[in-house]
Amino acid sequence: MRVAVLLSGAGRTLDNLVERIAAGRLDATIVAVIASRGDVRGVQIAETAGLPIWVLPPQGRPLHEWSAEVFNACRGARADLVVMAGFLHLLEIPEDFAGRVINIHPSLLPAFGGKGFHGAHVHRAVLDRGCTISGCTVHLVDQVYDHGRILLQRAVPVLPDDTPDSLAARVFAAECEALPEVIARFATNPVS
């Protein structure tokens, strides 16, 4: 499975994938890392791992042009699957990548999803609402934020003394298991 990873920040999910591949626990090859910013830790992780990197900022560009550039990089790397891993931007998914772009989201979608719901914003909203469970969702990406078909969800408890940080840590641990599981499934059973 040839994977392109899209990121916008710290690259913790990329780090998890790199570790699992190196340990032989995920049969995949990361053929491209595409960052929306060059000044993020995710780029440093990719450089340290010797992965091909494209820094493609969206600012000042029409969505269709920027999306085309992102997917041209994926095509050039011959990616079988595109993984949004802390990627904070909407993309127009071209027909040849329909059903081959997935995202990991830090809530049980459809709850706490959509534009602006990422990272600590999600966990704060879960706590403010008084939820007793949270979790993560791996889903297909379509033309709407956090909207595509759900492929896998993992629930975690919300504890009475949770802070956004403590809840985030528990949700991220679930993400570290759920995303590689879905990537492994794609190798034998692509989704359409």
Protein backbone atom coordinates (compact mmCIF):
# COMPACT_ATOMS: atom_id res chain seq x y z
CA MET A 1 0.00 0.00 0.00
CA ARG A 2 1.54 3.28 -1.18
CA VAL A 3 0.36 6.08 1.14
CA ALA A 4 0.50 9.86 0.85
CA VAL A 5 0.12 11.64 4.19
CA LEU A 6 -1.32 15.17 4.35
CA LEU A 7 -0.62 17.23 7.46
CA SER A 8 -0.79 20.77 8.83
CA GLY A 9 0.90 20.53 12.21
CA ALA A 10 2.83 18.46 14.72
CA GLY A 11 2.84 15.23 12.71
CA ARG A 12 2.06 12.92 15.64
CA THR A 13 -0.04 10.70 13.38
CA LEU A 14 2.73 10.59 10.77
CA ASP A 15 5.16 9.63 13.55
CA ASN A 16 2.84 6.79 14.60
CA LEU A 17 2.61 5.49 11.01
CA VAL A 18 6.39 5.70 10.50
CA GLU A 19 6.97 3.75 13.73
CA ARG A 20 4.44 1.03 12.84
CA ILE A 21 5.86 0.59 9.35
CA ALA A 22 9.44 0.39 10.69
CA ALA A 23 8.36 -2.19 13.28
CA GLY A 24 6.66 -4.32 10.61
CA ARG A 25 3.23 -3.76 12.16
CA LEU A 26 1.81 -1.96 9.11
CA ASP A 27 2.47 -3.17 5.58
CA ALA A 28 2.63 0.20 3.84
CA THR A 29 5.09 2.65 2.34
CA ILE A 30 4.78 6.40 2.81
CA VAL A 31 5.54 7.74 -0.66
CA ALA A 32 4.73 11.41 -0.02
CA VAL A 33 4.19 13.81 2.83
CA ILE A 34 2.31 16.93 1.80
CA ALA A 35 2.28 19.77 4.32
CA SER A 36 0.14 22.90 4.15
CA ARG A 37 2.86 24.72 6.13
CA GLY A 38 6.62 24.39 6.12
CA ASP A 39 7.21 25.54 9.69
CA VAL A 40 5.61 22.58 11.46
CA ARG A 41 7.06 19.62 13.33
CA GLY A 42 5.42 17.21 10.86
CA VAL A 43 7.86 18.39 8.18
CA GLN A 44 10.78 17.71 10.53
CA ILE A 45 9.46 14.19 11.22
CA ALA A 46 9.23 13.53 7.48
CA GLU A 47 12.76 14.87 6.90
CA THR A 48 14.19 12.74 9.72
CA ALA A 49 12.47 9.66 8.27
CA GLY A 50 13.82 10.45 4.79
CA LEU A 51 10.35 10.79 3.29
CA PRO A 52 9.60 12.85 0.16
CA ILE A 53 8.03 16.16 1.20
CA TRP A 54 5.96 18.75 -0.61
CA VAL A 55 5.10 22.00 1.16
CA LEU A 56 2.01 23.36 -0.58
CA PRO A 57 0.43 26.29 1.26
CA PRO A 58 -3.14 27.12 0.23
CA GLN A 59 -3.05 30.84 1.00
CA GLY A 60 -4.11 33.14 -1.80
CA ARG A 61 -5.02 30.34 -4.19
CA PRO A 62 -8.38 29.19 -5.49
CA LEU A 63 -9.44 25.90 -3.89
CA HIS A 64 -9.60 24.01 -7.19
CA GLU A 65 -6.05 25.03 -8.18
CA TRP A 66 -4.55 24.18 -4.81
CA SER A 67 -6.45 20.88 -4.63
CA ALA A 68 -5.20 19.98 -8.11
CA GLU A 69 -1.62 20.67 -7.02
CA VAL A 70 -2.01 18.46 -3.93
CA PHE A 71 -3.44 15.57 -5.93
CA ASN A 72 -0.88 16.00 -8.71
CA ALA A 73 1.78 15.39 -6.06
CA CYS A 74 -0.14 12.28 -4.93
CA ARG A 75 -0.35 11.06 -8.53
CA GLY A 76 3.34 11.73 -9.08
CA ALA A 77 4.13 9.59 -6.03
CA ARG A 78 1.75 6.89 -7.32
CA ALA A 79 -0.18 6.90 -4.04
CA ASP A 80 -2.81 4.20 -3.60
CA LEU A 81 -4.30 5.93 -0.57
CA VAL A 82 -4.25 9.51 0.74
CA VAL A 83 -4.38 9.91 4.53
CA MET A 84 -5.34 13.23 6.08
CA ALA A 85 -3.48 13.20 9.37
CA GLY A 86 -4.11 16.47 11.15
CA PHE A 87 -4.72 18.19 7.83
CA LEU A 88 -6.85 21.27 8.53
CA HIS A 89 -8.07 22.17 5.06
CA LEU A 90 -10.91 21.30 2.77
CA LEU A 91 -9.88 19.81 -0.57
CA GLU A 92 -11.76 19.10 -3.76
CA ILE A 93 -11.42 15.35 -4.24
CA PRO A 94 -10.88 14.46 -7.92
CA GLU A 95 -12.76 11.54 -9.44
CA ASP A 96 -9.66 9.32 -9.66
CA PHE A 97 -9.16 9.64 -5.88
CA ALA A 98 -12.81 9.16 -4.86
CA GLY A 99 -12.90 6.44 -2.21
CA ARG A 100 -9.12 6.66 -1.72
CA VAL A 101 -8.86 9.60 0.69
CA ILE A 102 -9.39 9.03 4.41
CA ASN A 103 -9.29 11.26 7.47
CA ILE A 104 -8.84 10.63 11.17
CA HIS A 105 -11.03 12.87 13.34
CA PRO A 106 -10.87 13.19 17.15
CA SER A 107 -14.56 12.67 17.90
CA LEU A 108 -17.33 10.20 17.24
CA LEU A 109 -18.70 11.76 14.07
CA PRO A 110 -21.15 13.18 13.25
CA ALA A 111 -20.80 14.78 16.69
CA PHE A 112 -18.27 17.60 17.00
CA GLY A 113 -17.26 17.67 13.36
CA GLY A 114 -17.11 20.30 10.66
CA LYS A 115 -15.17 23.47 10.01
CA GLY A 116 -13.33 24.67 13.10
CA PHE A 117 -13.66 21.37 14.99
CA HIS A 118 -10.10 20.14 15.32
CA GLY A 119 -7.68 19.39 18.13
CA ALA A 120 -8.42 21.01 21.48
CA HIS A 121 -11.57 22.67 20.10
CA VAL A 122 -13.18 19.23 19.79
CA HIS A 123 -12.17 18.01 23.24
CA ARG A 124 -13.26 21.27 24.91
CA ALA A 125 -16.65 21.02 23.18
CA VAL A 126 -17.07 17.40 24.30
CA LEU A 127 -16.36 18.40 27.92
CA ASP A 128 -18.56 21.51 27.76
CA ARG A 129 -21.43 19.39 26.49
CA GLY A 130 -21.07 16.92 29.37
CA CYS A 131 -20.52 13.86 27.20
CA THR A 132 -19.60 10.61 28.92
CA ILE A 133 -17.92 9.07 25.87
CA SER A 134 -15.81 10.43 23.06
CA GLY A 135 -13.43 8.78 20.64
CA CYS A 136 -12.18 8.93 17.09
CA THR A 137 -13.52 8.32 13.62
CA VAL A 138 -11.78 7.24 10.43
CA HIS A 139 -13.90 8.24 7.46
CA LEU A 140 -13.80 8.66 3.71
CA VAL A 141 -13.26 12.24 2.65
CA ASP A 142 -15.72 13.97 0.36
CA GLN A 143 -16.29 17.62 -0.51
CA VAL A 144 -17.59 18.56 2.99
CA TYR A 145 -15.63 18.78 6.28
CA ASP A 146 -15.88 15.56 8.32
CA HIS A 147 -18.80 14.27 6.29
CA GLY A 148 -17.82 11.17 4.30
CA ARG A 149 -18.76 7.58 5.02
CA ILE A 150 -17.59 6.32 8.41
CA LEU A 151 -15.15 3.41 8.15
CA LEU A 152 -14.25 2.84 11.82
CA GLN A 153 -14.92 4.41 15.20
CA ARG A 154 -13.30 3.80 18.56
CA ALA A 155 -14.90 5.04 21.77
CA VAL A 156 -13.09 6.15 24.92
CA PRO A 157 -14.62 7.17 28.25
CA VAL A 158 -14.80 10.79 29.31
CA LEU A 159 -13.74 10.87 32.96
CA PRO A 160 -15.17 13.28 35.55
CA ASP A 161 -11.81 15.01 36.07
CA ASP A 162 -10.85 15.21 32.38
CA THR A 163 -9.29 18.29 30.89
CA PRO A 164 -9.07 18.87 27.13
CA ASP A 165 -5.46 17.62 27.32
CA SER A 166 -6.18 14.42 29.26
CA LEU A 167 -9.11 13.57 26.98
CA ALA A 168 -7.01 14.36 23.91
CA ALA A 169 -4.32 11.91 25.07
CA ARG A 170 -6.84 9.08 25.45
CA VAL A 171 -8.47 9.84 22.09
CA PHE A 172 -5.07 10.02 20.38
CA ALA A 173 -4.17 6.57 21.76
CA ALA A 174 -7.35 5.26 20.09
CA GLU A 175 -6.43 7.06 16.85
CA CYS A 176 -3.02 5.36 16.88
CA GLU A 177 -4.79 1.99 16.64
CA ALA A 178 -7.77 2.88 14.44
CA LEU A 179 -6.00 4.60 11.54
CA PRO A 180 -3.42 1.85 10.88
CA GLU A 181 -6.23 -0.71 11.05
CA VAL A 182 -8.15 1.07 8.28
CA ILE A 183 -4.99 1.52 6.18
CA ALA A 184 -4.31 -2.23 6.47
CA ARG A 185 -7.88 -2.98 5.36
CA PHE A 186 -7.41 -0.87 2.23
CA ALA A 187 -4.53 -3.08 1.13
CA THR A 188 -6.87 -6.06 0.77
CA ASN A 189 -10.29 -4.47 0.42
CA PRO A 190 -10.42 -0.95 -1.09
CA VAL A 191 -13.61 1.00 -0.40
CA SER A 192 -15.74 2.31 -3.24
